[in-house]
Amino acid sequence: MMQRIAVLGSTGSVGASTLDVIGRHADRFEVFALSASSQVEPMLQQCLQFRPAFAVMAQEEAGRALAARIESSGLPTRVLWGASALETIASHESVDTVMASIVGAAGLSSCMAAARAGKKLLLANKEALVVGGDLFLQAVRQGGATLLPIDSEHSAIFQSLPEDPGTWDARVEKIILTASGGPFRTLDPAALRDVTPEQACAHPNWVMGRKISVDSATMMNKALEVIEARYLFGLAPGRLEVVIHPQSVIHSMVQYRDTSVVAQLGTPDMRVPIAYGLAWPDRVASGAQALDFSALADLSFESLDSRGHRERFPGLQLAWDSLRAPAGTTAVLNAANEVAVAAFLDRRIRFDQIHAVNVATLAGLAPSKPSGLQDLLALDADARRVADQAIRRLAA
């Protein structure tokens, strides 16, 4: 049966990888809708190749520009723009599957719309769970949606767990997320103050966008993944562990009560978890290279308590701290980090000050338990305001 797919964030790295996998299986997958923020030319090229029914731009100016290009090309694609348009394609009755790969909290509303509409939701936007938490899971349950993780770590965990979620708590001892350590795994912590945006975006293993690359360099990406794992798999925060694995071959592991460990291995290529999510419960070719075990270097692992990692990556502990704090705290952490990373990329603060902004924002805002999407959006806005104030103080 043909799956009709909406790819949200199609011009980003995950979106482009998704379209690559789809293009390899034209007999199984059809692109129904695409969305992007402001990249008109890449979106036009994707529309020319896949001929979707809808193309959505987040920004009106970009949407109007794309509409003019689409009209002159003779394509039948209808161009929309704005947040409501994203929700429209995410919940459209003709869509079977939604790839949610919009970066940051900006993707929350469309993820909620897809969940409420009961879609097969491929979640590459971890912030939907970090910000939405139990409210997002409630929308998934009420809508009857199928939620599949696309982050390589969470896809690996999902593949390593028993099929029946009702047995996870009793059979599983802990979940172990692996982290590459990013480009600064061996850097003297004192030298982090001099890191440039270009250095922070040069990940040794993965090709990613600028924001997630910086998050990997600070290991805030792993902090957000710990929070996501808490909501996806339902285990207590104390049963979530992180180990550094520089080779990025083992993507994550599950340790069972009998101490057996089940792991998922693969090349560091996002097409692998994407193909798994698209075809689930089947398997299809992803286009990624297979592991060559004879050519693999030794696989190594480092504890967070070794080699100065806790000093080098202080933001990672904020995951467990925020999970044990009042509801809404994880949303505050996410918003603060988005603002801080943007300020670093704009060279307004130093690399080591990203953590300072996150800590100051958590200390400066006491969230009340959100009861709906509007509460979450308001909390996100408040956190961004407090983070901006912290950045101005640092820059003064």
Protein backbone atom coordinates (compact mmCIF):
# COMPACT_ATOMS: atom_id res chain seq x y z
CA MET A 1 0.00 0.00 0.00
CA MET A 2 1.33 3.43 -0.98
CA GLN A 3 2.14 5.74 1.95
CA ARG A 4 1.48 9.44 1.43
CA ILE A 5 4.02 11.44 3.37
CA ALA A 6 4.31 15.02 4.61
CA VAL A 7 7.93 16.00 5.23
CA LEU A 8 8.10 18.92 7.67
CA GLY A 9 11.48 20.60 7.44
CA SER A 10 12.28 19.07 4.06
CA THR A 11 15.27 21.30 3.22
CA GLY A 12 17.17 20.42 6.41
CA SER A 13 19.58 17.52 6.69
CA VAL A 14 16.99 15.04 8.02
CA GLY A 15 14.40 16.19 5.50
CA ALA A 16 16.83 15.80 2.61
CA SER A 17 17.80 12.32 3.84
CA THR A 18 14.11 11.42 4.09
CA LEU A 19 13.52 12.43 0.49
CA ASP A 20 16.56 10.40 -0.55
CA VAL A 21 15.04 7.27 1.02
CA ILE A 22 11.61 8.02 -0.44
CA GLY A 23 13.14 8.46 -3.89
CA ARG A 24 14.58 4.95 -3.69
CA HIS A 25 11.12 3.42 -3.10
CA ALA A 26 8.70 5.16 -5.45
CA ASP A 27 6.53 2.03 -5.35
CA ARG A 28 5.96 2.42 -1.58
CA PHE A 29 6.13 6.12 -0.73
CA GLU A 30 4.61 9.26 -2.24
CA VAL A 31 5.42 12.82 -1.18
CA PHE A 32 2.13 14.59 -0.48
CA ALA A 33 3.47 17.76 1.18
CA LEU A 34 6.76 19.50 1.93
CA SER A 35 7.60 22.37 4.26
CA ALA A 36 10.57 24.65 4.90
CA SER A 37 11.30 27.90 6.67
CA SER A 38 12.70 30.27 4.06
CA GLN A 39 14.85 28.36 1.54
CA VAL A 40 12.98 29.01 -1.68
CA GLU A 41 15.40 27.55 -4.24
CA PRO A 42 15.96 24.20 -2.49
CA MET A 43 12.21 23.87 -1.95
CA LEU A 44 11.55 24.58 -5.62
CA GLN A 45 13.99 21.86 -6.65
CA GLN A 46 12.31 19.39 -4.30
CA CYS A 47 8.90 20.30 -5.72
CA LEU A 48 10.18 19.79 -9.26
CA GLN A 49 11.46 16.34 -8.34
CA PHE A 50 8.61 15.06 -6.16
CA ARG A 51 5.60 17.13 -7.36
CA PRO A 52 3.81 17.33 -3.99
CA ALA A 53 0.23 18.49 -3.65
CA PHE A 54 1.31 21.13 -1.10
CA ALA A 55 4.44 23.13 -0.32
CA VAL A 56 4.47 25.23 2.84
CA MET A 57 6.90 27.98 3.81
CA ALA A 58 6.99 29.21 7.40
CA GLN A 59 7.67 32.79 6.30
CA GLU A 60 5.17 34.71 4.16
CA GLU A 61 7.78 36.45 2.01
CA ALA A 62 9.38 33.13 1.15
CA GLY A 63 5.96 31.62 0.51
CA ARG A 64 5.00 34.32 -1.97
CA ALA A 65 8.35 33.97 -3.72
CA LEU A 66 7.94 30.21 -3.98
CA ALA A 67 4.36 30.57 -5.23
CA ALA A 68 5.56 32.77 -8.09
CA ARG A 69 8.26 30.26 -9.03
CA ILE A 70 5.83 27.33 -8.82
CA GLU A 71 3.28 29.12 -11.00
CA SER A 72 5.85 29.89 -13.69
CA SER A 73 7.05 26.28 -13.66
CA GLY A 74 3.61 24.88 -14.36
CA LEU A 75 3.65 22.56 -11.35
CA PRO A 76 0.28 21.65 -9.79
CA THR A 77 1.68 22.19 -6.27
CA ARG A 78 -0.33 24.54 -4.05
CA VAL A 79 1.82 26.88 -1.96
CA LEU A 80 0.79 27.94 1.57
CA TRP A 81 2.63 29.73 4.36
CA GLY A 82 2.48 30.29 8.11
CA ALA A 83 2.06 28.17 11.23
CA SER A 84 -1.56 27.27 10.49
CA ALA A 85 -0.55 25.95 7.08
CA LEU A 86 1.96 23.62 8.74
CA GLU A 87 -0.80 22.26 10.95
CA THR A 88 -3.01 21.85 7.86
CA ILE A 89 -0.60 19.55 6.03
CA ALA A 90 0.40 17.69 9.22
CA SER A 91 -3.22 16.74 9.85
CA HIS A 92 -4.48 16.51 6.24
CA GLU A 93 -6.84 13.61 5.64
CA SER A 94 -4.76 12.42 2.67
CA VAL A 95 -1.55 12.14 4.71
CA ASP A 96 -0.63 8.76 6.19
CA THR A 97 2.80 9.57 7.61
CA VAL A 98 4.39 12.78 8.91
CA MET A 99 8.15 13.18 9.10
CA ALA A 100 8.59 15.84 11.80
CA SER A 101 12.06 17.29 11.27
CA ILE A 102 11.55 21.00 11.96
CA VAL A 103 14.31 22.11 14.32
CA GLY A 104 13.38 23.37 17.77
CA ALA A 105 10.16 24.36 19.48
CA ALA A 106 8.90 25.80 16.19
CA GLY A 107 7.86 22.27 15.25
CA LEU A 108 5.68 21.65 18.31
CA SER A 109 2.33 22.84 16.96
CA SER A 110 2.52 20.80 13.76
CA CYS A 111 3.61 17.71 15.73
CA MET A 112 0.62 18.13 18.03
CA ALA A 113 -1.66 18.50 15.00
CA ALA A 114 -0.32 15.27 13.48
CA ALA A 115 -0.70 13.46 16.80
CA ARG A 116 -4.29 14.61 17.29
CA ALA A 117 -5.09 13.53 13.71
CA GLY A 118 -3.84 10.01 14.39
CA LYS A 119 -0.98 9.99 11.92
CA LYS A 120 2.04 7.74 11.79
CA LEU A 121 4.40 10.30 13.27
CA LEU A 122 8.13 9.95 12.66
CA LEU A 123 9.67 12.15 15.31
CA ALA A 124 13.02 13.68 14.39
CA ASN A 125 12.03 16.84 16.26
CA LYS A 126 12.99 15.86 19.81
CA GLU A 127 11.79 19.23 21.10
CA ALA A 128 8.16 18.14 20.65
CA LEU A 129 8.66 15.78 23.58
CA VAL A 130 11.13 17.96 25.49
CA VAL A 131 8.68 20.88 25.39
CA GLY A 132 5.38 19.01 25.11
CA GLY A 133 6.12 16.20 27.56
CA ASP A 134 3.03 14.49 28.91
CA LEU A 135 0.73 16.84 26.99
CA PHE A 136 2.24 15.68 23.72
CA LEU A 137 1.94 12.01 24.73
CA GLN A 138 -1.67 12.65 25.71
CA ALA A 139 -2.36 13.99 22.20
CA VAL A 140 -0.74 10.87 20.72
CA ARG A 141 -2.95 8.60 22.82
CA GLN A 142 -6.15 10.52 22.23
CA GLY A 143 -5.56 10.76 18.48
CA GLY A 144 -4.55 7.12 18.15
CA ALA A 145 -1.29 8.16 16.48
CA THR A 146 1.68 5.85 16.00
CA LEU A 147 4.81 7.52 17.38
CA LEU A 148 8.17 6.31 16.04
CA PRO A 149 11.49 7.90 17.04
CA ILE A 150 13.90 8.92 14.29
CA ASP A 151 16.87 10.21 16.28
CA SER A 152 19.50 7.51 15.75
CA GLU A 153 19.79 6.89 19.49
CA HIS A 154 16.08 6.55 20.15
CA SER A 155 15.51 4.47 17.05
CA ALA A 156 18.29 2.16 18.30
CA ILE A 157 16.63 1.88 21.70
CA PHE A 158 13.23 1.21 20.14
CA GLN A 159 14.74 -1.56 18.01
CA SER A 160 16.45 -3.07 21.10
CA LEU A 161 13.37 -3.13 23.37
CA PRO A 162 10.74 -5.88 23.59
CA GLU A 163 7.83 -5.46 21.21
CA ASP A 164 5.31 -5.12 24.06
CA PRO A 165 5.75 -1.74 25.81
CA GLY A 166 3.85 -3.14 28.77
CA THR A 167 6.86 -5.31 29.63
CA TRP A 168 9.54 -2.61 29.44
CA ASP A 169 9.49 -1.55 33.08
CA ALA A 170 9.68 -5.11 34.40
CA ARG A 171 12.25 -6.49 31.98
CA VAL A 172 14.59 -3.52 31.44
CA GLU A 173 17.22 -2.43 33.96
CA LYS A 174 18.34 0.72 32.15
CA ILE A 175 18.70 2.46 28.82
CA ILE A 176 22.20 3.49 27.73
CA LEU A 177 22.43 6.32 25.22
CA THR A 178 25.72 6.63 23.40
CA ALA A 179 27.32 9.99 22.61
CA SER A 180 30.20 10.67 20.26
CA GLY A 181 31.56 13.45 22.46
CA GLY A 182 31.53 15.81 19.48
CA PRO A 183 34.52 17.82 18.27
CA PHE A 184 35.75 18.78 21.75
CA ARG A 185 35.84 15.40 23.49
CA THR A 186 39.55 15.73 24.28
CA LEU A 187 39.83 19.52 24.44
CA ASP A 188 41.07 21.12 27.66
CA PRO A 189 37.89 22.48 29.32
CA ALA A 190 39.65 25.81 29.87
CA ALA A 191 40.02 26.18 26.09
CA LEU A 192 36.27 26.03 25.46
CA ARG A 193 35.95 29.78 25.97
CA ASP A 194 37.86 30.32 22.70
CA VAL A 195 35.81 27.95 20.53
CA THR A 196 34.41 29.52 17.33
CA PRO A 197 31.07 28.72 15.65
CA GLU A 198 32.97 27.16 12.76
CA GLN A 199 34.81 24.79 15.10
CA ALA A 200 31.63 23.89 16.98
CA CYS A 201 29.80 23.02 13.76
CA ALA A 202 32.53 20.64 12.54
CA HIS A 203 31.24 17.33 13.90
CA PRO A 204 33.67 14.44 13.44
CA ASN A 205 31.05 11.82 12.48
CA TRP A 206 27.70 13.31 11.50
CA VAL A 207 26.62 15.89 8.89
CA MET A 208 24.01 18.05 10.63
CA GLY A 209 22.57 21.56 10.74
CA ARG A 210 24.31 24.34 12.66
CA LYS A 211 22.07 24.32 15.73
CA ILE A 212 22.21 20.59 16.35
CA SER A 213 25.96 20.60 15.65
CA VAL A 214 26.51 23.15 18.42
CA ASP A 215 24.26 21.10 20.70
CA SER A 216 26.42 18.07 19.99
CA ALA A 217 29.55 20.08 20.80
CA THR A 218 28.12 21.11 24.20
CA MET A 219 26.39 17.74 24.64
CA MET A 220 23.14 19.59 25.21
CA ASN A 221 21.86 17.47 22.33
CA LYS A 222 22.41 14.44 24.54
CA ALA A 223 20.69 16.19 27.44
CA LEU A 224 17.63 16.73 25.25
CA GLU A 225 17.83 13.10 24.13
CA VAL A 226 17.80 11.93 27.76
CA ILE A 227 14.61 13.94 28.28
CA GLU A 228 13.11 12.55 25.08
CA ALA A 229 13.98 9.00 26.16
CA ARG A 230 12.24 9.56 29.49
CA TYR A 231 8.98 10.38 27.72
CA LEU A 232 9.30 7.90 24.87
CA PHE A 233 10.12 4.84 26.95
CA GLY A 234 8.64 5.64 30.36
CA LEU A 235 11.61 4.68 32.53
CA ALA A 236 12.55 6.80 35.55
CA PRO A 237 15.37 9.33 34.99
CA GLY A 238 17.70 7.30 37.20
CA ARG A 239 17.46 4.40 34.74
CA LEU A 240 18.77 6.51 31.85
CA GLU A 241 22.52 6.55 31.35
CA VAL A 242 24.93 8.16 28.88
CA VAL A 243 28.31 6.80 27.78
CA ILE A 244 30.71 8.37 25.32
CA HIS A 245 31.40 6.21 22.28
CA PRO A 246 33.56 8.22 19.83
CA GLN A 247 33.10 5.93 16.82
CA SER A 248 29.28 6.35 16.61
CA VAL A 249 28.85 2.72 15.54
CA ILE A 250 26.74 1.54 18.49
CA HIS A 251 23.85 3.98 18.48
CA SER A 252 22.42 3.03 21.88
CA MET A 253 21.82 0.02 24.12
CA VAL A 254 19.28 -1.56 26.45
CA GLN A 255 20.45 -3.44 29.54
CA TYR A 256 18.00 -6.05 30.81
CA ARG A 257 17.41 -7.27 34.37
CA ASP A 258 19.65 -10.30 33.77
CA THR A 259 22.48 -7.88 32.73
CA SER A 260 22.20 -8.86 29.06
CA VAL A 261 22.76 -5.87 26.78
CA VAL A 262 21.05 -5.50 23.40
CA ALA A 263 22.50 -2.87 21.05
CA GLN A 264 21.80 -1.55 17.56
CA LEU A 265 24.81 -0.94 15.30
CA GLY A 266 25.12 0.87 11.99
CA THR A 267 27.01 3.46 10.02
CA PRO A 268 26.50 7.08 11.17
CA ASP A 269 23.94 7.82 8.44
CA MET A 270 20.49 9.18 9.27
CA ARG A 271 18.98 7.31 6.35
CA VAL A 272 19.13 4.13 8.44
CA PRO A 273 16.67 5.20 11.19
CA ILE A 274 14.64 7.12 8.61
CA ALA A 275 14.18 4.04 6.44
CA TYR A 276 13.27 2.01 9.52
CA GLY A 277 10.62 4.53 10.52
CA LEU A 278 9.16 4.90 7.04
CA ALA A 279 8.84 1.16 6.44
CA TRP A 280 8.07 0.01 10.01
CA PRO A 281 7.31 -2.74 10.81
CA ASP A 282 9.00 -3.79 7.56
CA ARG A 283 12.59 -3.09 6.49
CA VAL A 284 13.71 -1.47 3.22
CA ALA A 285 17.04 -0.45 1.74
CA SER A 286 18.22 2.89 3.15
CA GLY A 287 21.03 3.70 0.75
CA ALA A 288 23.55 3.75 3.59
CA GLN A 289 26.74 1.76 3.47
CA ALA A 290 26.78 -1.47 5.45
CA LEU A 291 29.20 -1.86 8.33
CA ASP A 292 32.49 -3.48 7.34
CA PHE A 293 33.52 -5.21 10.54
CA SER A 294 36.95 -6.10 9.17
CA ALA A 295 37.68 -2.40 8.64
CA LEU A 296 36.31 -1.18 11.97
CA ALA A 297 38.71 0.38 14.41
CA ASP A 298 38.47 -0.72 18.04
CA LEU A 299 35.20 0.36 19.63
CA SER A 300 35.85 2.42 22.76
CA PHE A 301 33.71 3.80 25.57
CA GLU A 302 34.30 6.50 28.17
CA SER A 303 32.42 7.16 31.37
CA LEU A 304 31.14 10.67 32.01
CA ASP A 305 33.20 10.56 35.21
CA SER A 306 36.45 10.09 33.28
CA ARG A 307 38.74 12.43 31.35
CA GLY A 308 37.14 15.60 32.73
CA HIS A 309 33.89 15.09 30.79
CA ARG A 310 31.59 16.48 33.46
CA GLU A 311 33.64 19.68 33.56
CA ARG A 312 33.79 19.77 29.76
CA PHE A 313 30.05 19.12 29.29
CA PRO A 314 28.27 20.60 32.35
CA GLY A 315 24.98 21.00 30.48
CA LEU A 316 24.34 17.28 30.32
CA GLN A 317 23.39 17.09 34.02
CA LEU A 318 20.59 19.60 33.38
CA ALA A 319 18.60 16.79 31.76
CA TRP A 320 18.18 14.84 35.00
CA ASP A 321 17.80 18.04 37.04
CA SER A 322 14.97 19.34 34.85
CA LEU A 323 13.19 15.98 34.73
CA ARG A 324 13.08 15.95 38.54
CA ALA A 325 11.89 19.59 38.67
CA PRO A 326 8.27 20.82 38.28
CA ALA A 327 6.44 20.12 35.01
CA GLY A 328 7.40 22.63 32.33
CA THR A 329 11.04 22.88 33.38
CA THR A 330 12.22 20.88 30.38
CA ALA A 331 10.43 23.37 28.12
CA VAL A 332 12.27 26.22 29.85
CA LEU A 333 15.61 24.45 29.35
CA ASN A 334 14.92 23.88 25.66
CA ALA A 335 13.95 27.50 25.02
CA ALA A 336 16.96 28.84 26.90
CA ASN A 337 19.29 26.59 24.93
CA GLU A 338 17.81 27.60 21.57
CA VAL A 339 18.30 31.27 22.41
CA ALA A 340 21.80 30.72 23.78
CA VAL A 341 22.95 28.70 20.76
CA ALA A 342 21.61 31.36 18.39
CA ALA A 343 23.50 34.03 20.35
CA PHE A 344 26.70 31.99 20.14
CA LEU A 345 26.30 31.47 16.38
CA ASP A 346 25.80 35.25 16.08
CA ARG A 347 29.02 35.70 18.14
CA ARG A 348 27.18 37.56 20.91
CA ILE A 349 28.33 35.14 23.65
CA ARG A 350 31.18 32.70 24.04
CA PHE A 351 30.78 28.96 23.62
CA ASP A 352 31.23 28.31 27.35
CA GLN A 353 28.53 30.89 28.14
CA ILE A 354 25.78 28.78 26.54
CA HIS A 355 25.62 26.78 29.76
CA ALA A 356 25.58 29.96 31.85
CA VAL A 357 22.52 31.22 29.94
CA ASN A 358 20.72 27.90 30.44
CA VAL A 359 21.42 27.88 34.18
CA ALA A 360 20.40 31.52 34.61
CA THR A 361 17.13 30.94 32.74
CA LEU A 362 16.25 27.90 34.83
CA ALA A 363 16.96 29.88 37.98
CA GLY A 364 15.01 32.92 36.81
CA LEU A 365 11.75 31.26 35.83
CA ALA A 366 9.53 29.01 37.96
CA PRO A 367 7.03 27.34 35.60
CA SER A 368 3.49 26.46 36.55
CA LYS A 369 2.20 23.15 35.20
CA PRO A 370 1.08 23.71 31.58
CA SER A 371 -2.39 22.47 30.76
CA GLY A 372 -2.41 22.86 26.98
CA LEU A 373 -0.55 23.98 23.87
CA GLN A 374 -1.09 27.67 24.55
CA ASP A 375 0.42 27.30 28.03
CA LEU A 376 3.45 25.60 26.50
CA LEU A 377 3.87 28.34 23.91
CA ALA A 378 3.54 31.03 26.58
CA LEU A 379 6.11 29.25 28.76
CA ASP A 380 8.45 29.01 25.79
CA ALA A 381 8.09 32.75 25.15
CA ASP A 382 8.73 33.61 28.82
CA ALA A 383 11.84 31.45 28.88
CA ARG A 384 13.19 33.10 25.74
CA ARG A 385 12.67 36.52 27.33
CA VAL A 386 14.59 35.50 30.47
CA ALA A 387 17.35 33.95 28.34
CA ASP A 388 17.65 37.15 26.32
CA GLN A 389 18.07 39.09 29.55
CA ALA A 390 20.83 36.72 30.65
CA ILE A 391 22.62 37.17 27.33
CA ARG A 392 22.46 40.95 27.60
CA ARG A 393 24.00 40.76 31.07
CA LEU A 394 26.83 38.58 29.80
CA ALA A 395 27.46 40.87 26.85
CA ALA A 396 27.45 44.05 28.97
